[in-house]
């Protein structure tokens, strides 16, 4: 912390200068009082009244709230989606991320072979992560 040390000098004719009450005037004589004043800029990053621990606790609480409200539900949703994609089997009616409906004809390690169309004559391989749900077309 930065401190300014003020040496106040007083004479017998003006005792008000001894405590720094006289403003910027100086008096002749010997120093009679030492006054230590904290510099206004010494507060720095923490604004003078806020210490480092309360600063860290505040930001820790913000991070915890963000994790509870944003990251945790998103991870739960990703886990549910992964489990649903792993549970799909041949014959399931699905909907892809592009919004097309189809039926799973073949299940490989990384892809599904999906049969599209009303005549069921179009078969296209689709990445497993592009299947977003099990759903019948209306």
N, C-alpha and C. Protein backbone atom coordinates (compact mmCIF):
# COMPACT_ATOMS: atom_id res chain seq x y z
N UNK A 1 0.83 -1.17 0.00
CA UNK A 1 0.00 0.00 0.00
C UNK A 1 0.88 1.23 0.00
N UNK A 2 0.38 2.28 -0.60
CA UNK A 2 1.11 3.54 -0.64
C UNK A 2 0.60 4.45 0.48
N UNK A 3 1.54 5.01 1.19
CA UNK A 3 1.18 5.94 2.26
C UNK A 3 1.94 7.23 2.03
N UNK A 4 1.28 8.33 2.32
CA UNK A 4 1.94 9.63 2.32
C UNK A 4 2.17 10.01 3.76
N UNK A 5 3.36 10.43 4.06
CA UNK A 5 3.68 10.88 5.41
C UNK A 5 3.74 12.39 5.38
N UNK A 6 2.95 13.01 6.21
CA UNK A 6 2.88 14.46 6.26
C UNK A 6 3.51 14.90 7.57
N UNK A 7 4.51 15.72 7.44
CA UNK A 7 5.12 16.31 8.62
C UNK A 7 4.51 17.69 8.80
N UNK A 8 3.73 17.84 9.80
CA UNK A 8 3.07 19.12 10.05
C UNK A 8 3.93 19.92 11.00
N UNK A 9 4.17 21.14 10.65
CA UNK A 9 4.99 22.02 11.47
C UNK A 9 4.10 23.08 12.11
N UNK A 10 4.41 23.41 13.29
CA UNK A 10 3.59 24.41 13.98
C UNK A 10 4.49 25.45 14.63
N UNK A 11 3.96 26.61 14.72
CA UNK A 11 4.63 27.68 15.46
C UNK A 11 3.73 28.04 16.63
N UNK A 12 4.24 28.83 17.47
CA UNK A 12 3.45 29.23 18.64
C UNK A 12 2.33 30.18 18.26
N UNK A 13 2.44 30.81 17.08
CA UNK A 13 1.40 31.77 16.70
C UNK A 13 0.22 31.10 15.99
N UNK A 14 0.41 29.89 15.35
CA UNK A 14 -0.69 29.24 14.61
C UNK A 14 -0.71 27.74 14.94
N UNK A 15 -1.39 27.34 16.00
CA UNK A 15 -1.41 25.93 16.38
C UNK A 15 -2.26 25.07 15.43
N UNK A 16 -3.07 25.67 14.57
CA UNK A 16 -3.91 24.90 13.66
C UNK A 16 -3.12 24.17 12.59
N UNK A 17 -1.91 24.63 12.28
CA UNK A 17 -1.09 23.97 11.26
C UNK A 17 -0.51 22.65 11.75
N UNK A 18 -0.48 22.41 13.03
CA UNK A 18 0.13 21.21 13.57
C UNK A 18 -0.59 19.94 13.11
N UNK A 19 -1.86 20.00 12.88
CA UNK A 19 -2.61 18.82 12.48
C UNK A 19 -3.02 18.87 11.01
N UNK A 20 -2.46 19.76 10.24
CA UNK A 20 -2.76 19.81 8.82
C UNK A 20 -4.07 20.51 8.52
N UNK A 21 -4.60 21.29 9.43
CA UNK A 21 -5.88 21.95 9.22
C UNK A 21 -5.74 23.25 8.45
N UNK A 22 -4.53 23.71 8.25
CA UNK A 22 -4.34 25.02 7.65
C UNK A 22 -4.23 25.01 6.15
N UNK A 23 -4.39 23.93 5.47
CA UNK A 23 -4.33 23.89 4.01
C UNK A 23 -2.92 23.70 3.52
N UNK A 24 -2.51 24.50 2.53
CA UNK A 24 -1.21 24.30 1.90
C UNK A 24 -0.14 25.25 2.42
N UNK A 25 -0.45 26.07 3.39
CA UNK A 25 0.54 26.99 3.91
C UNK A 25 1.58 26.24 4.74
N UNK A 26 2.78 26.72 4.71
CA UNK A 26 3.82 26.12 5.54
C UNK A 26 4.22 27.11 6.60
N UNK A 27 4.65 26.61 7.68
CA UNK A 27 5.10 27.47 8.77
C UNK A 27 6.53 27.10 9.10
N UNK A 28 7.21 28.00 9.69
CA UNK A 28 8.59 27.73 10.06
C UNK A 28 8.61 27.17 11.46
N UNK A 29 9.59 26.35 11.71
CA UNK A 29 9.69 25.77 13.04
C UNK A 29 10.07 24.31 12.93
N UNK A 30 9.99 23.60 14.00
CA UNK A 30 10.35 22.18 14.01
C UNK A 30 9.08 21.34 13.89
N UNK A 31 9.21 20.14 13.30
CA UNK A 31 8.01 19.29 13.20
C UNK A 31 7.54 18.86 14.58
N UNK A 32 6.26 18.97 14.79
CA UNK A 32 5.72 18.58 16.07
C UNK A 32 4.78 17.38 15.97
N UNK A 33 4.28 17.05 14.79
CA UNK A 33 3.29 15.99 14.64
C UNK A 33 3.57 15.26 13.32
N UNK A 34 3.47 13.93 13.33
CA UNK A 34 3.59 13.12 12.12
C UNK A 34 2.24 12.48 11.86
N UNK A 35 1.67 12.75 10.69
CA UNK A 35 0.36 12.21 10.33
C UNK A 35 0.55 11.30 9.13
N UNK A 36 0.10 10.06 9.22
CA UNK A 36 0.20 9.12 8.12
C UNK A 36 -1.18 9.00 7.47
N UNK A 37 -1.24 9.28 6.18
CA UNK A 37 -2.50 9.25 5.44
C UNK A 37 -2.36 8.24 4.31
N UNK A 38 -3.34 7.38 4.16
CA UNK A 38 -3.30 6.41 3.06
C UNK A 38 -3.57 7.15 1.76
N UNK A 39 -2.76 6.84 0.75
CA UNK A 39 -2.89 7.46 -0.56
C UNK A 39 -4.21 7.02 -1.19
N UNK A 40 -4.89 7.90 -1.90
CA UNK A 40 -6.17 7.57 -2.54
C UNK A 40 -5.99 6.53 -3.64
N UNK A 41 -4.85 6.52 -4.31
CA UNK A 41 -4.59 5.56 -5.38
C UNK A 41 -4.15 4.21 -4.82
N UNK A 42 -3.92 4.12 -3.52
CA UNK A 42 -3.45 2.86 -2.94
C UNK A 42 -4.51 1.79 -2.99
N UNK A 43 -5.78 2.16 -3.12
CA UNK A 43 -6.84 1.18 -3.23
C UNK A 43 -6.67 0.31 -4.46
N UNK A 44 -6.14 0.89 -5.51
CA UNK A 44 -5.81 0.16 -6.73
C UNK A 44 -6.99 -0.60 -7.30
N UNK A 45 -6.76 -1.85 -7.62
CA UNK A 45 -7.76 -2.70 -8.28
C UNK A 45 -8.96 -2.97 -7.39
N UNK A 46 -8.77 -3.04 -6.11
CA UNK A 46 -9.84 -3.48 -5.22
C UNK A 46 -10.65 -2.32 -4.64
N UNK A 47 -10.44 -1.12 -5.11
CA UNK A 47 -11.30 -0.01 -4.75
C UNK A 47 -11.22 0.46 -3.32
N UNK A 48 -10.16 0.21 -2.62
CA UNK A 48 -9.99 0.72 -1.27
C UNK A 48 -10.72 -0.08 -0.21
N UNK A 49 -12.03 -0.26 -0.32
CA UNK A 49 -12.80 -0.94 0.71
C UNK A 49 -12.93 -2.44 0.49
N UNK A 50 -12.61 -2.92 -0.69
CA UNK A 50 -12.81 -4.33 -1.02
C UNK A 50 -11.46 -5.06 -0.94
N UNK A 51 -11.34 -6.01 -0.07
CA UNK A 51 -10.07 -6.71 0.03
C UNK A 51 -10.02 -7.87 -0.97
N UNK A 52 -8.89 -8.50 -1.06
CA UNK A 52 -8.65 -9.52 -2.07
C UNK A 52 -9.53 -10.75 -1.87
N UNK A 53 -9.80 -11.14 -0.64
CA UNK A 53 -10.60 -12.34 -0.39
C UNK A 53 -12.04 -12.16 -0.84
N UNK A 54 -12.62 -11.02 -0.56
CA UNK A 54 -14.00 -10.81 -1.00
C UNK A 54 -14.07 -10.73 -2.52
N UNK A 55 -13.04 -10.20 -3.14
CA UNK A 55 -12.94 -10.15 -4.61
C UNK A 55 -12.92 -11.58 -5.18
N UNK A 56 -12.10 -12.45 -4.61
CA UNK A 56 -12.00 -13.83 -5.08
C UNK A 56 -13.29 -14.61 -4.81
N UNK A 57 -13.90 -14.39 -3.68
CA UNK A 57 -15.16 -15.07 -3.36
C UNK A 57 -16.26 -14.65 -4.31
N UNK A 58 -16.31 -13.36 -4.65
CA UNK A 58 -17.34 -12.87 -5.57
C UNK A 58 -17.18 -13.52 -6.95
N UNK A 59 -15.97 -13.55 -7.48
CA UNK A 59 -15.76 -14.16 -8.79
C UNK A 59 -15.92 -15.68 -8.74
N UNK A 60 -15.58 -16.30 -7.65
CA UNK A 60 -15.83 -17.73 -7.49
C UNK A 60 -17.32 -18.04 -7.50
N UNK A 61 -18.11 -17.20 -6.85
CA UNK A 61 -19.56 -17.39 -6.85
C UNK A 61 -20.14 -17.20 -8.25
N UNK A 62 -19.64 -16.24 -9.01
CA UNK A 62 -20.11 -16.02 -10.38
C UNK A 62 -19.80 -17.23 -11.24
N UNK A 63 -18.61 -17.79 -11.11
CA UNK A 63 -18.22 -18.97 -11.89
C UNK A 63 -19.07 -20.17 -11.49
N UNK A 64 -19.34 -20.34 -10.20
CA UNK A 64 -20.16 -21.46 -9.75
C UNK A 64 -21.59 -21.35 -10.28
N UNK A 65 -22.16 -20.17 -10.28
CA UNK A 65 -23.51 -19.97 -10.80
C UNK A 65 -23.55 -20.24 -12.29
N UNK A 66 -22.54 -19.77 -13.03
CA UNK A 66 -22.48 -20.02 -14.47
C UNK A 66 -22.37 -21.51 -14.75
N UNK A 67 -21.60 -22.22 -13.96
CA UNK A 67 -21.46 -23.67 -14.15
C UNK A 67 -22.79 -24.37 -13.89
N UNK A 68 -23.47 -23.98 -12.81
CA UNK A 68 -24.74 -24.63 -12.46
C UNK A 68 -25.85 -24.34 -13.46
N UNK A 69 -25.86 -23.14 -14.04
CA UNK A 69 -26.96 -22.75 -14.92
C UNK A 69 -26.69 -23.00 -16.40
N UNK A 70 -25.43 -23.06 -16.81
CA UNK A 70 -25.12 -23.18 -18.23
C UNK A 70 -24.42 -24.49 -18.59
N UNK A 71 -23.31 -24.75 -18.00
CA UNK A 71 -22.46 -25.87 -18.40
C UNK A 71 -23.05 -27.21 -17.98
N UNK A 72 -23.51 -27.31 -16.75
CA UNK A 72 -24.04 -28.58 -16.24
C UNK A 72 -25.26 -29.07 -17.03
N UNK A 73 -26.27 -28.25 -17.29
CA UNK A 73 -27.42 -28.73 -18.09
C UNK A 73 -27.02 -29.10 -19.52
N UNK A 74 -26.08 -28.36 -20.09
CA UNK A 74 -25.64 -28.69 -21.45
C UNK A 74 -24.94 -30.04 -21.49
N UNK A 75 -24.12 -30.33 -20.52
CA UNK A 75 -23.45 -31.64 -20.46
C UNK A 75 -24.47 -32.76 -20.27
N UNK A 76 -25.48 -32.52 -19.44
CA UNK A 76 -26.52 -33.53 -19.22
C UNK A 76 -27.27 -33.81 -20.53
N UNK A 77 -27.58 -32.75 -21.28
CA UNK A 77 -28.28 -32.91 -22.54
C UNK A 77 -27.41 -33.66 -23.56
N UNK A 78 -26.11 -33.36 -23.61
CA UNK A 78 -25.21 -34.06 -24.52
C UNK A 78 -25.12 -35.54 -24.15
N UNK A 79 -25.10 -35.85 -22.86
CA UNK A 79 -25.03 -37.23 -22.41
C UNK A 79 -26.29 -37.99 -22.81
N UNK A 80 -27.46 -37.36 -22.64
CA UNK A 80 -28.71 -37.99 -23.04
C UNK A 80 -28.75 -38.24 -24.55
N UNK A 81 -28.26 -37.28 -25.34
CA UNK A 81 -28.24 -37.42 -26.80
C UNK A 81 -27.33 -38.57 -27.20
N UNK A 82 -26.15 -38.66 -26.58
CA UNK A 82 -25.21 -39.74 -26.88
C UNK A 82 -25.80 -41.11 -26.55
N UNK A 83 -26.48 -41.20 -25.39
CA UNK A 83 -27.11 -42.47 -24.99
C UNK A 83 -28.22 -42.86 -25.97
N UNK A 84 -29.00 -41.87 -26.42
CA UNK A 84 -30.06 -42.15 -27.38
C UNK A 84 -29.48 -42.65 -28.70
N UNK A 85 -28.39 -42.02 -29.16
CA UNK A 85 -27.77 -42.42 -30.43
C UNK A 85 -27.16 -43.81 -30.34
N UNK A 86 -26.62 -44.17 -29.18
CA UNK A 86 -26.04 -45.50 -29.00
C UNK A 86 -27.13 -46.58 -28.90
N UNK A 87 -28.32 -46.22 -28.46
CA UNK A 87 -29.40 -47.19 -28.28
C UNK A 87 -30.19 -47.44 -29.56
N UNK A 88 -29.95 -46.67 -30.61
CA UNK A 88 -30.70 -46.86 -31.86
C UNK A 88 -30.36 -48.20 -32.49
N UNK A 89 -31.36 -48.80 -33.12
CA UNK A 89 -31.16 -50.10 -33.75
C UNK A 89 -31.82 -50.10 -35.13
N UNK A 90 -31.58 -51.14 -35.88
CA UNK A 90 -32.16 -51.28 -37.22
C UNK A 90 -33.68 -51.31 -37.11
N UNK A 91 -34.34 -50.53 -37.97
CA UNK A 91 -35.80 -50.47 -37.99
C UNK A 91 -36.38 -49.26 -37.28
N UNK A 92 -35.56 -48.52 -36.51
CA UNK A 92 -36.05 -47.32 -35.82
C UNK A 92 -36.29 -46.20 -36.82
N UNK A 93 -37.39 -45.48 -36.63
CA UNK A 93 -37.68 -44.29 -37.42
C UNK A 93 -37.04 -43.10 -36.72
N UNK A 94 -36.25 -42.34 -37.47
CA UNK A 94 -35.46 -41.26 -36.87
C UNK A 94 -35.67 -39.95 -37.63
N UNK A 95 -35.20 -38.86 -36.99
CA UNK A 95 -35.12 -37.56 -37.65
C UNK A 95 -33.69 -37.08 -37.53
N UNK A 96 -33.16 -36.55 -38.62
CA UNK A 96 -31.77 -36.08 -38.63
C UNK A 96 -31.70 -34.59 -38.29
N UNK A 97 -30.49 -34.08 -38.10
CA UNK A 97 -30.29 -32.67 -37.78
C UNK A 97 -30.78 -31.77 -38.92
N UNK A 98 -30.80 -32.27 -40.14
CA UNK A 98 -31.28 -31.47 -41.27
C UNK A 98 -32.79 -31.49 -41.39
N UNK A 99 -33.47 -32.29 -40.57
CA UNK A 99 -34.93 -32.33 -40.57
C UNK A 99 -35.54 -33.39 -41.46
N UNK A 100 -34.75 -34.31 -41.96
CA UNK A 100 -35.30 -35.37 -42.80
C UNK A 100 -35.61 -36.61 -41.97
N UNK A 101 -36.71 -37.25 -42.30
CA UNK A 101 -37.13 -38.47 -41.62
C UNK A 101 -36.65 -39.68 -42.40
N UNK A 102 -36.34 -40.73 -41.70
CA UNK A 102 -35.92 -41.95 -42.36
C UNK A 102 -35.98 -43.13 -41.42
N UNK A 103 -35.61 -44.30 -41.97
CA UNK A 103 -35.59 -45.53 -41.18
C UNK A 103 -34.19 -46.11 -41.25
N UNK A 104 -33.68 -46.56 -40.11
CA UNK A 104 -32.34 -47.14 -40.06
C UNK A 104 -32.39 -48.52 -40.71
N UNK A 105 -31.49 -48.71 -41.70
CA UNK A 105 -31.42 -50.00 -42.40
C UNK A 105 -30.20 -50.78 -41.95
N UNK A 106 -29.12 -50.05 -41.67
CA UNK A 106 -27.87 -50.70 -41.28
C UNK A 106 -27.17 -49.83 -40.24
N UNK A 107 -26.51 -50.47 -39.28
CA UNK A 107 -25.84 -49.78 -38.19
C UNK A 107 -24.35 -50.13 -38.23
N UNK A 108 -23.49 -49.15 -38.57
CA UNK A 108 -22.04 -49.35 -38.55
C UNK A 108 -21.45 -48.66 -37.32
N UNK A 109 -20.12 -48.69 -37.20
CA UNK A 109 -19.47 -48.07 -36.05
C UNK A 109 -19.71 -46.56 -35.98
N UNK A 110 -19.52 -45.87 -37.09
CA UNK A 110 -19.62 -44.41 -37.09
C UNK A 110 -20.83 -43.88 -37.84
N UNK A 111 -21.52 -44.71 -38.61
CA UNK A 111 -22.63 -44.23 -39.43
C UNK A 111 -23.84 -45.16 -39.36
N UNK A 112 -24.95 -44.59 -39.75
CA UNK A 112 -26.17 -45.36 -40.00
C UNK A 112 -26.44 -45.30 -41.50
N UNK A 113 -26.97 -46.36 -42.04
CA UNK A 113 -27.47 -46.33 -43.42
C UNK A 113 -28.97 -46.09 -43.27
N UNK A 114 -29.40 -44.91 -43.73
CA UNK A 114 -30.78 -44.49 -43.55
C UNK A 114 -31.53 -44.59 -44.88
N UNK A 115 -32.75 -45.09 -44.80
CA UNK A 115 -33.61 -45.20 -45.98
C UNK A 115 -34.61 -44.04 -45.95
N UNK A 116 -34.56 -43.19 -46.99
CA UNK A 116 -35.41 -42.01 -47.08
C UNK A 116 -36.43 -42.19 -48.20
N UNK A 117 -37.45 -41.35 -48.19
CA UNK A 117 -38.41 -41.29 -49.29
C UNK A 117 -39.65 -42.11 -49.04
N UNK A 118 -40.69 -41.82 -49.84
CA UNK A 118 -41.96 -42.52 -49.68
C UNK A 118 -41.89 -43.92 -50.28
N UNK A 119 -41.10 -44.08 -51.35
CA UNK A 119 -40.95 -45.39 -51.96
C UNK A 119 -39.84 -46.19 -51.31
N UNK A 120 -39.13 -45.60 -50.35
CA UNK A 120 -38.02 -46.25 -49.63
C UNK A 120 -36.94 -46.74 -50.59
N UNK A 121 -36.68 -45.95 -51.61
CA UNK A 121 -35.67 -46.36 -52.58
C UNK A 121 -34.36 -45.60 -52.42
N UNK A 122 -34.31 -44.62 -51.54
CA UNK A 122 -33.10 -43.80 -51.36
C UNK A 122 -32.43 -44.20 -50.05
N UNK A 123 -31.18 -44.65 -50.13
CA UNK A 123 -30.42 -45.02 -48.94
C UNK A 123 -29.16 -44.17 -48.89
N UNK A 124 -28.96 -43.50 -47.76
CA UNK A 124 -27.83 -42.58 -47.61
C UNK A 124 -27.17 -42.86 -46.26
N UNK A 125 -25.83 -42.94 -46.25
CA UNK A 125 -25.14 -43.06 -44.96
C UNK A 125 -25.16 -41.72 -44.22
N UNK A 126 -25.43 -41.76 -42.94
CA UNK A 126 -25.51 -40.56 -42.11
C UNK A 126 -24.66 -40.79 -40.87
N UNK A 127 -23.87 -39.78 -40.48
CA UNK A 127 -23.08 -39.87 -39.25
C UNK A 127 -24.01 -40.02 -38.05
N UNK A 128 -23.59 -40.82 -37.09
CA UNK A 128 -24.44 -41.08 -35.92
C UNK A 128 -24.77 -39.82 -35.14
N UNK A 129 -23.85 -38.88 -35.10
CA UNK A 129 -24.11 -37.66 -34.32
C UNK A 129 -25.10 -36.72 -35.01
N UNK A 130 -25.51 -37.02 -36.24
CA UNK A 130 -26.49 -36.19 -36.95
C UNK A 130 -27.93 -36.66 -36.70
N UNK A 131 -28.10 -37.76 -36.01
CA UNK A 131 -29.44 -38.23 -35.66
C UNK A 131 -29.82 -37.55 -34.35
N UNK A 132 -30.94 -36.78 -34.38
CA UNK A 132 -31.30 -36.00 -33.21
C UNK A 132 -32.50 -36.56 -32.46
N UNK A 133 -33.20 -37.54 -33.01
CA UNK A 133 -34.33 -38.08 -32.28
C UNK A 133 -34.95 -39.27 -32.98
N UNK A 134 -35.74 -40.00 -32.20
CA UNK A 134 -36.49 -41.12 -32.72
C UNK A 134 -37.91 -40.59 -32.89
N UNK A 135 -38.38 -40.54 -34.16
CA UNK A 135 -39.65 -39.91 -34.42
C UNK A 135 -40.25 -40.39 -35.73
N UNK A 136 -41.52 -40.64 -35.71
CA UNK A 136 -42.27 -41.01 -36.92
C UNK A 136 -42.68 -39.74 -37.67
N UNK A 137 -42.64 -39.74 -39.00
CA UNK A 137 -43.13 -38.57 -39.73
C UNK A 137 -44.65 -38.48 -39.59
N UNK A 138 -45.18 -37.28 -39.56
CA UNK A 138 -46.63 -37.09 -39.42
C UNK A 138 -47.29 -37.02 -40.78
